Amino acid sequence: MFSILIDTILGSRFWALFQKEFAQIFRNRQLVIQLLVPPTVFLMVFGFALNPEIQDLKVGITDYSHSSASREFVEILKQTDAFVISRYYPDQKDMIADLATGKLTVGFTIPPEFADDIARRRTVQLQALYDAVDANTARIASSYISQLVSDYNSRHTNKNGETVASRRNKVEVKTSVFYNPGLETSWFIVSGLFGIVLTVIGSQAAASLVVREKEAGTIEQLVMTPASNTEVILAKVSPLLILLSLDVLIAVGIARLVFGVPLRGNLLVFLMIAVLYFTVGISIGILIASYSKSEQQTQLTAFFINPPLVLLCGATTPISSMPTFVQWLTYLDPLRYFIEVCRGILLKGVGIETLWRQVLILLVFATVLITLSIRQFRRQLG
C-alpha cells in the first residue's frame, strides 16, 4: 500500500513541479543562503540583545560617613551582577554631574551620621539618584536596590538579636518555580524568536520566488501546463517547507547549545506543528506577491504586515501587559499560537493533548490562507 502511494506521487504532475521548484531554489544560491544563514545569525544576536535583565549598571557613591558601617552597606551592591561601582565621589555635585552626562545610572549619597544612626538603631535615610531617561531600566534598578536594602536590614536586625518575639506569628512563604527554575530570561526570549525569525524569512522568501517568476514571465508559462493551480502552489510551498524545517533543527540546536534552552517535549511533534505554521507564513508571502508587481513592492508590503505580526505575538512582551483592546487583536495573529506551541513543547514539555486548540487554530489559518493564495493565483493566470 505504501509503495503504491509512493509510486503514485513520483508519477504525478505534482512531483514534476516539485522537482522543478526544488532545482530552481537551489540554483538560486542567494535565496538558499537567505533561508539558512539569517535565521541562525538573528537567533543568536537577538537572543543576546533582547534581554530585559539589567547588568553592569554604573553606580556612583558619595560617602560622607567614611565608616566601616557605610563600607559594609556599599558591599551589598556587589552581591548582584546588576551593578558595578564606577567611582567614589568626594562631593555629591560631581556625582550629579556624571549622572547628567550619562556616565552613571545610579548615585548613592551616604550621610555623615550613617554610622551613629546604625549604632543607635535609628532610621537612616540614604539618597538614591537615578538617571531615568530610560524609565524601564530605572524602574528595574530601583526594584533591585529596594530588595538589596531589604536584605541588608534583615541581616543587620538578626545580627543585633532583634528577631523576634513574634516568630510564631510570622507567615513563611515557600516559593516554587516551574518550567524555568533558574529564571533565565533568555529562555523566554529565544523560544519566542523561533517564530519571529522564521515567519519573516519564510514569507519574504515565498514572496520573492513568486515575484521573480512574474518579472521573468515564467508565470504565464504555467498556464500551458496541465497542472492545476493547487498543484502549482503546493509545488512552490513544499521546497520552502523542507528548508524551513532544516532551519528549525538548526534553531533548536543553537537554543540548546548557546542559551541552554531545554527541549522537554517531543521534537517530532514540534517539527510537525512548525511545518503547519510555516504553511501559514509562506501563504502570507504568496498573497503578498500576488498583489505586487515587483520585488521592491513586496518588500514594502511585507513591511506593513510582518511588524504587526511580530509585535502582537507575545514573543518578547507578555500579552497580559498589553492594553485590553490590543490583547483582543492578538487573537488574529497566527504567530501568537505558534509561540505558545514553542514554549509549551520546549519549556513545559506538553504535547498535542494540551496544545490541540493552538494546532486547530493554526490549521484553520493555514487552510484559509492557502485557499486565498490558490484563488488569487488562479486570477493571475486567468
Protein backbone atom coordinates (compact mmCIF):
# COMPACT_ATOMS: atom_id res chain seq x y z
CA MET A 1 0.00 0.00 0.00
CA PHE A 2 2.77 2.40 0.98
CA SER A 3 4.80 1.57 -2.15
CA ILE A 4 1.72 2.21 -4.33
CA LEU A 5 1.32 5.62 -2.71
CA ILE A 6 4.97 6.44 -3.33
CA ASP A 7 4.72 5.33 -6.97
CA THR A 8 1.61 7.47 -7.42
CA ILE A 9 3.35 10.55 -6.02
CA LEU A 10 6.52 10.02 -8.06
CA GLY A 11 4.49 9.66 -11.23
CA SER A 12 2.27 12.67 -10.63
CA ARG A 13 2.40 16.16 -12.14
CA PHE A 14 2.94 17.49 -8.63
CA TRP A 15 6.25 15.60 -8.35
CA ALA A 16 7.45 17.03 -11.66
CA LEU A 17 6.59 20.54 -10.48
CA PHE A 18 8.18 19.88 -7.10
CA GLN A 19 11.45 18.82 -8.76
CA LYS A 20 11.36 21.93 -10.92
CA GLU A 21 10.78 24.26 -7.93
CA PHE A 22 13.40 22.49 -5.83
CA ALA A 23 16.02 22.74 -8.58
CA GLN A 24 15.12 26.38 -9.15
CA ILE A 25 15.57 27.25 -5.49
CA PHE A 26 18.94 25.52 -5.23
CA ARG A 27 20.18 27.22 -8.38
CA ASN A 28 19.50 30.50 -6.59
CA ARG A 29 22.35 30.39 -4.06
CA GLN A 30 21.43 33.80 -2.68
CA LEU A 31 17.97 32.55 -1.74
CA VAL A 32 19.32 29.38 -0.12
CA ILE A 33 21.72 31.48 1.95
CA GLN A 34 18.85 33.82 2.83
CA LEU A 35 16.82 30.88 4.10
CA LEU A 36 19.55 29.16 6.14
CA VAL A 37 22.04 31.77 7.37
CA PRO A 38 19.96 34.75 8.62
CA PRO A 39 17.74 32.67 10.95
CA THR A 40 20.85 31.28 12.63
CA VAL A 41 22.52 34.68 12.97
CA PHE A 42 19.35 36.51 14.04
CA LEU A 43 18.50 33.94 16.68
CA MET A 44 21.91 34.32 18.31
CA VAL A 45 22.07 38.12 18.03
CA PHE A 46 18.52 38.76 19.21
CA GLY A 47 18.81 36.13 21.92
CA PHE A 48 21.65 38.09 23.48
CA ALA A 49 20.41 41.60 22.63
CA LEU A 50 16.71 41.32 23.55
CA ASN A 51 17.32 40.71 27.22
CA PRO A 52 15.29 42.79 29.70
CA GLU A 53 17.63 41.94 32.55
CA ILE A 54 19.91 44.76 33.61
CA GLN A 55 23.59 44.12 34.10
CA ASP A 56 26.67 46.17 34.96
CA LEU A 57 24.81 49.42 35.59
CA LYS A 58 27.34 52.01 36.70
CA VAL A 59 26.88 53.23 40.27
CA GLY A 60 28.49 56.26 41.90
CA ILE A 61 28.99 56.54 45.67
CA THR A 62 29.31 59.75 47.69
CA ASP A 63 30.24 58.56 51.19
CA TYR A 64 30.20 61.37 53.75
CA SER A 65 30.37 58.86 56.61
CA HIS A 66 33.69 57.17 55.75
CA SER A 67 32.95 54.45 58.28
CA SER A 68 33.05 50.69 58.42
CA ALA A 69 29.24 50.71 58.53
CA SER A 70 28.98 52.68 55.28
CA ARG A 71 31.54 50.42 53.60
CA GLU A 72 29.52 47.41 54.72
CA PHE A 73 26.43 48.93 53.14
CA VAL A 74 28.23 49.56 49.84
CA GLU A 75 29.20 45.89 49.77
CA ILE A 76 25.56 44.88 49.22
CA LEU A 77 25.74 46.39 45.72
CA LYS A 78 28.39 43.82 44.83
CA GLN A 79 26.05 40.91 45.56
CA THR A 80 24.48 41.12 42.10
CA ASP A 81 25.73 41.46 38.55
CA ALA A 82 23.18 44.22 38.01
CA PHE A 83 25.50 46.90 39.41
CA VAL A 84 29.14 47.80 39.21
CA ILE A 85 30.63 50.59 41.33
CA SER A 86 32.12 53.02 38.87
CA ARG A 87 33.54 55.71 41.14
CA TYR A 88 33.60 57.17 44.65
CA TYR A 89 32.97 60.91 44.81
CA PRO A 90 34.13 63.38 47.46
CA ASP A 91 31.15 65.64 46.70
CA GLN A 92 27.60 64.94 45.59
CA LYS A 93 27.69 67.71 42.96
CA ASP A 94 30.34 65.84 40.99
CA MET A 95 28.25 62.68 41.09
CA ILE A 96 25.15 64.53 39.85
CA ALA A 97 27.21 66.00 37.02
CA ASP A 98 28.20 62.49 35.90
CA LEU A 99 24.56 61.39 36.12
CA ALA A 100 23.66 64.27 33.81
CA THR A 101 26.24 63.22 31.21
CA GLY A 102 25.21 59.55 31.28
CA LYS A 103 28.38 58.28 32.94
CA LEU A 104 26.30 56.84 35.81
CA THR A 105 22.90 55.21 36.08
CA VAL A 106 22.57 55.29 39.86
CA GLY A 107 24.10 57.54 42.50
CA PHE A 108 24.14 56.92 46.26
CA THR A 109 24.72 59.58 48.90
CA ILE A 110 25.54 58.25 52.38
CA PRO A 111 25.04 60.90 55.12
CA PRO A 112 27.73 61.72 57.77
CA GLU A 113 25.55 60.39 60.62
CA PHE A 114 25.11 56.98 58.97
CA ALA A 115 27.33 55.02 61.40
CA ASP A 116 25.92 56.72 64.50
CA ASP A 117 22.33 56.10 63.45
CA ILE A 118 23.09 52.45 62.75
CA ALA A 119 24.78 52.05 66.15
CA ARG A 120 21.83 53.67 67.93
CA ARG A 121 19.32 51.69 65.90
CA ARG A 122 17.71 54.73 64.39
CA THR A 123 16.21 55.00 60.93
CA VAL A 124 18.80 56.06 58.38
CA GLN A 125 17.87 57.95 55.25
CA LEU A 126 20.02 57.46 52.19
CA GLN A 127 19.61 59.29 48.92
CA ALA A 128 19.47 57.25 45.73
CA LEU A 129 19.58 59.14 42.43
CA TYR A 130 18.57 57.54 39.14
CA ASP A 131 19.15 58.51 35.54
CA ALA A 132 15.56 57.86 34.40
CA VAL A 133 15.92 58.75 30.72
CA ASP A 134 15.44 55.01 30.24
CA ALA A 135 12.44 54.72 32.54
CA ASN A 136 12.28 50.92 32.36
CA THR A 137 15.92 50.49 33.41
CA ALA A 138 15.49 52.99 36.23
CA ARG A 139 12.39 51.15 37.44
CA ILE A 140 14.14 47.78 37.45
CA ALA A 141 17.25 49.23 39.11
CA SER A 142 15.08 50.78 41.83
CA SER A 143 13.40 47.43 42.44
CA TYR A 144 16.78 45.66 42.70
CA ILE A 145 18.11 48.22 45.16
CA SER A 146 14.97 48.01 47.29
CA GLN A 147 15.46 44.26 47.54
CA LEU A 148 19.14 44.61 48.41
CA VAL A 149 18.39 47.20 51.12
CA SER A 150 15.66 44.94 52.49
CA ASP A 151 18.14 42.03 52.70
CA TYR A 152 20.66 44.33 54.40
CA ASN A 153 18.10 45.42 57.00
CA SER A 154 17.14 41.82 57.66
CA ARG A 155 20.74 40.72 58.20
CA HIS A 156 21.52 43.70 60.40
CA THR A 157 18.46 43.11 62.56
CA ASN A 158 19.37 39.44 63.03
CA LYS A 159 22.93 40.45 63.89
CA ASN A 160 21.67 42.69 66.72
CA GLY A 161 19.46 39.98 68.16
CA GLU A 162 16.15 41.69 67.45
CA THR A 163 14.43 38.90 65.61
CA VAL A 164 11.57 38.44 67.05
CA ALA A 165 9.47 37.82 69.59
CA SER A 166 6.74 37.22 67.13
CA ARG A 167 8.33 34.35 65.23
CA ARG A 168 5.29 32.16 65.96
CA ASN A 169 3.01 34.59 64.18
CA LYS A 170 5.32 35.01 61.20
CA VAL A 171 3.97 33.80 57.85
CA GLU A 172 6.54 31.94 55.80
CA VAL A 173 6.09 31.63 52.04
CA LYS A 174 7.76 28.79 50.25
CA THR A 175 8.31 29.60 46.59
CA SER A 176 8.42 27.03 43.83
CA VAL A 177 9.41 27.98 40.30
CA PHE A 178 8.10 25.85 37.43
CA TYR A 179 9.49 25.41 33.90
CA ASN A 180 12.37 27.86 34.37
CA PRO A 181 13.93 27.25 37.79
CA GLY A 182 16.93 29.47 37.04
CA LEU A 183 14.67 32.34 35.91
CA GLU A 184 16.67 32.58 32.69
CA THR A 185 15.17 35.43 30.66
CA SER A 186 16.90 34.16 27.52
CA TRP A 187 14.64 31.07 27.58
CA PHE A 188 11.58 33.31 27.20
CA ILE A 189 13.18 35.48 24.52
CA VAL A 190 14.76 32.71 22.41
CA SER A 191 11.68 30.47 22.44
CA GLY A 192 9.71 33.43 21.09
CA LEU A 193 12.29 34.31 18.46
CA PHE A 194 11.79 30.94 16.75
CA GLY A 195 8.52 32.09 15.25
CA ILE A 196 9.55 35.69 14.57
CA VAL A 197 12.68 34.90 12.56
CA LEU A 198 11.17 32.05 10.58
CA THR A 199 7.97 33.98 9.83
CA VAL A 200 9.84 36.91 8.35
CA ILE A 201 12.28 34.73 6.40
CA GLY A 202 9.60 32.33 5.12
CA SER A 203 7.10 34.95 3.98
CA GLN A 204 9.74 37.09 2.26
CA ALA A 205 11.32 34.09 0.54
CA ALA A 206 7.94 32.89 -0.78
CA ALA A 207 7.04 36.38 -1.98
CA SER A 208 10.44 36.77 -3.63
CA LEU A 209 10.11 33.47 -5.52
CA VAL A 210 6.69 34.28 -6.96
CA VAL A 211 7.53 37.87 -7.89
CA ARG A 212 10.74 36.86 -9.65
CA GLU A 213 8.77 34.43 -11.78
CA LYS A 214 6.28 37.17 -12.58
CA GLU A 215 9.07 39.54 -13.58
CA ALA A 216 10.75 36.84 -15.67
CA GLY A 217 7.46 35.95 -17.38
CA THR A 218 7.53 32.27 -16.36
CA ILE A 219 4.19 32.57 -14.56
CA GLU A 220 2.45 32.74 -17.93
CA GLN A 221 4.17 29.52 -18.99
CA LEU A 222 2.41 27.68 -16.17
CA VAL A 223 -0.89 28.33 -17.93
CA MET A 224 0.22 25.97 -20.68
CA THR A 225 0.89 23.07 -18.31
CA PRO A 226 -1.82 20.51 -17.44
CA ALA A 227 -1.13 21.03 -13.73
CA SER A 228 -3.86 22.55 -11.58
CA ASN A 229 -3.38 25.74 -9.60
CA THR A 230 -3.40 23.74 -6.38
CA GLU A 231 -0.56 21.53 -7.64
CA VAL A 232 1.44 24.58 -8.70
CA ILE A 233 1.05 26.29 -5.32
CA LEU A 234 1.84 23.13 -3.34
CA ALA A 235 4.91 22.53 -5.51
CA LYS A 236 6.13 26.04 -4.70
CA VAL A 237 5.42 25.64 -0.98
CA SER A 238 6.98 22.20 -0.44
CA PRO A 239 10.69 23.03 -1.05
CA LEU A 240 10.42 26.05 1.25
CA LEU A 241 8.85 23.86 3.94
CA ILE A 242 11.82 21.49 3.72
CA LEU A 243 14.36 24.31 4.05
CA LEU A 244 12.45 25.97 6.90
CA SER A 245 12.25 22.61 8.70
CA LEU A 246 16.03 22.45 8.47
CA ASP A 247 16.08 25.95 9.95
CA VAL A 248 14.03 24.69 12.88
CA LEU A 249 16.51 21.91 13.62
CA ILE A 250 19.40 24.41 13.47
CA ALA A 251 17.50 26.84 15.72
CA VAL A 252 16.75 24.13 18.31
CA GLY A 253 20.45 23.19 18.33
CA ILE A 254 21.53 26.80 18.85
CA ALA A 255 18.93 27.33 21.56
CA ARG A 256 20.20 24.32 23.47
CA LEU A 257 23.95 24.78 22.96
CA VAL A 258 24.23 28.57 23.22
CA PHE A 259 21.36 29.56 25.53
CA GLY A 260 20.71 26.31 27.39
CA VAL A 261 17.03 26.25 26.36
CA PRO A 262 15.67 22.75 27.11
CA LEU A 263 13.66 20.53 24.78
CA ARG A 264 11.27 18.87 27.21
CA GLY A 265 8.68 17.82 24.65
CA ASN A 266 8.66 15.68 21.53
CA LEU A 267 10.87 17.03 18.74
CA LEU A 268 8.86 15.27 16.01
CA VAL A 269 5.59 16.80 17.25
CA PHE A 270 7.26 20.20 17.38
CA LEU A 271 8.56 19.80 13.84
CA MET A 272 5.14 18.76 12.51
CA ILE A 273 3.41 21.77 14.07
CA ALA A 274 6.22 24.00 12.79
CA VAL A 275 5.59 22.77 9.24
CA LEU A 276 1.90 23.58 9.69
CA TYR A 277 2.76 27.09 10.82
CA PHE A 278 5.28 27.60 8.02
CA THR A 279 2.44 26.88 5.59
CA VAL A 280 0.72 29.91 7.12
CA GLY A 281 3.82 32.10 6.76
CA ILE A 282 4.52 31.00 3.19
CA SER A 283 0.87 31.56 2.23
CA ILE A 284 1.14 35.11 3.53
CA GLY A 285 4.20 35.60 1.34
CA ILE A 286 2.43 34.22 -1.74
CA LEU A 287 -0.56 36.51 -1.11
CA ILE A 288 1.78 39.50 -0.82
CA ALA A 289 3.43 38.53 -4.11
CA SER A 290 0.06 38.04 -5.79
CA TYR A 291 -0.86 41.67 -5.19
CA SER A 292 2.62 43.02 -6.02
CA LYS A 293 4.15 43.80 -9.39
CA SER A 294 7.80 43.97 -8.35
CA GLU A 295 10.14 42.65 -5.66
CA GLN A 296 10.50 46.13 -4.23
CA GLN A 297 6.75 46.36 -3.80
CA THR A 298 6.65 43.03 -1.98
CA GLN A 299 9.24 44.29 0.49
CA LEU A 300 7.24 47.44 1.15
CA THR A 301 4.03 45.44 1.61
CA ALA A 302 5.77 42.97 3.93
CA PHE A 303 6.99 45.92 5.98
CA PHE A 304 3.35 46.71 6.85
CA ILE A 305 2.38 43.09 7.55
CA ASN A 306 5.30 41.50 9.41
CA PRO A 307 5.82 44.12 12.17
CA PRO A 308 2.22 43.82 13.48
CA LEU A 309 2.55 40.03 13.46
CA VAL A 310 5.78 40.30 15.47
CA LEU A 311 4.57 42.93 17.93
CA LEU A 312 1.26 41.23 18.72
CA CYS A 313 2.51 37.65 19.14
CA GLY A 314 3.84 37.94 22.70
CA ALA A 315 7.31 36.71 21.78
CA THR A 316 9.26 39.43 23.61
CA THR A 317 6.50 41.20 25.56
CA PRO A 318 3.89 39.30 27.59
CA ILE A 319 0.43 39.70 26.06
CA SER A 320 -1.02 40.24 29.56
CA SER A 321 0.93 43.50 29.84
CA MET A 322 -0.64 44.93 26.66
CA PRO A 323 -3.77 47.16 26.70
CA THR A 324 -7.05 45.26 26.61
CA PHE A 325 -8.02 46.22 23.06
CA VAL A 326 -4.55 45.16 21.83
CA GLN A 327 -4.91 41.83 23.62
CA TRP A 328 -8.05 41.17 21.57
CA LEU A 329 -6.15 41.92 18.38
CA THR A 330 -3.55 39.27 19.25
CA TYR A 331 -6.17 36.55 18.64
CA LEU A 332 -5.98 37.44 14.94
CA ASP A 333 -2.22 36.83 14.88
CA PRO A 334 -1.29 33.25 13.87
CA LEU A 335 2.22 33.77 15.23
CA ARG A 336 0.76 34.06 18.73
CA TYR A 337 -0.37 30.43 18.63
CA PHE A 338 2.93 29.14 17.28
CA ILE A 339 4.80 30.97 20.07
CA GLU A 340 2.54 29.23 22.59
CA VAL A 341 3.37 25.91 20.93
CA CYS A 342 7.12 26.65 21.04
CA ARG A 343 7.10 27.48 24.75
CA GLY A 344 4.72 24.66 25.57
CA ILE A 345 6.85 21.95 23.91
CA LEU A 346 10.32 23.36 24.62
CA LEU A 347 9.91 24.66 28.17
CA LYS A 348 6.87 22.84 29.59
CA GLY A 349 7.17 19.51 27.81
CA VAL A 350 3.47 19.34 26.91
CA GLY A 351 2.05 17.67 23.82
CA ILE A 352 -0.91 17.71 21.47
CA GLU A 353 -3.27 16.84 24.32
CA THR A 354 -2.60 20.29 25.78
CA LEU A 355 -1.86 22.29 22.62
CA TRP A 356 -4.66 20.96 20.41
CA ARG A 357 -6.51 24.32 20.42
CA GLN A 358 -3.45 26.16 19.10
CA VAL A 359 -2.89 23.45 16.49
CA LEU A 360 -6.54 23.60 15.38
CA ILE A 361 -6.41 27.40 15.03
CA LEU A 362 -3.17 27.17 13.01
CA LEU A 363 -4.83 24.58 10.78
CA VAL A 364 -7.72 27.00 10.16
CA PHE A 365 -5.29 29.81 9.35
CA ALA A 366 -3.32 27.55 7.01
CA THR A 367 -6.45 26.33 5.20
CA VAL A 368 -7.89 29.81 4.75
CA LEU A 369 -4.63 31.42 3.63
CA ILE A 370 -3.60 28.64 1.24
CA THR A 371 -7.12 28.74 -0.29
CA LEU A 372 -6.87 32.51 -0.75
CA SER A 373 -3.40 32.06 -2.27
CA ILE A 374 -4.68 29.50 -4.80
CA ARG A 375 -7.68 31.68 -5.68
CA GLN A 376 -5.55 34.79 -6.19
CA PHE A 377 -3.01 32.75 -8.17
CA ARG A 378 -5.82 31.48 -10.41
CA ARG A 379 -6.90 35.06 -11.08
CA GLN A 380 -3.34 35.95 -12.10
CA LEU A 381 -3.13 33.05 -14.51
CA GLY A 382 -6.52 33.91 -15.88
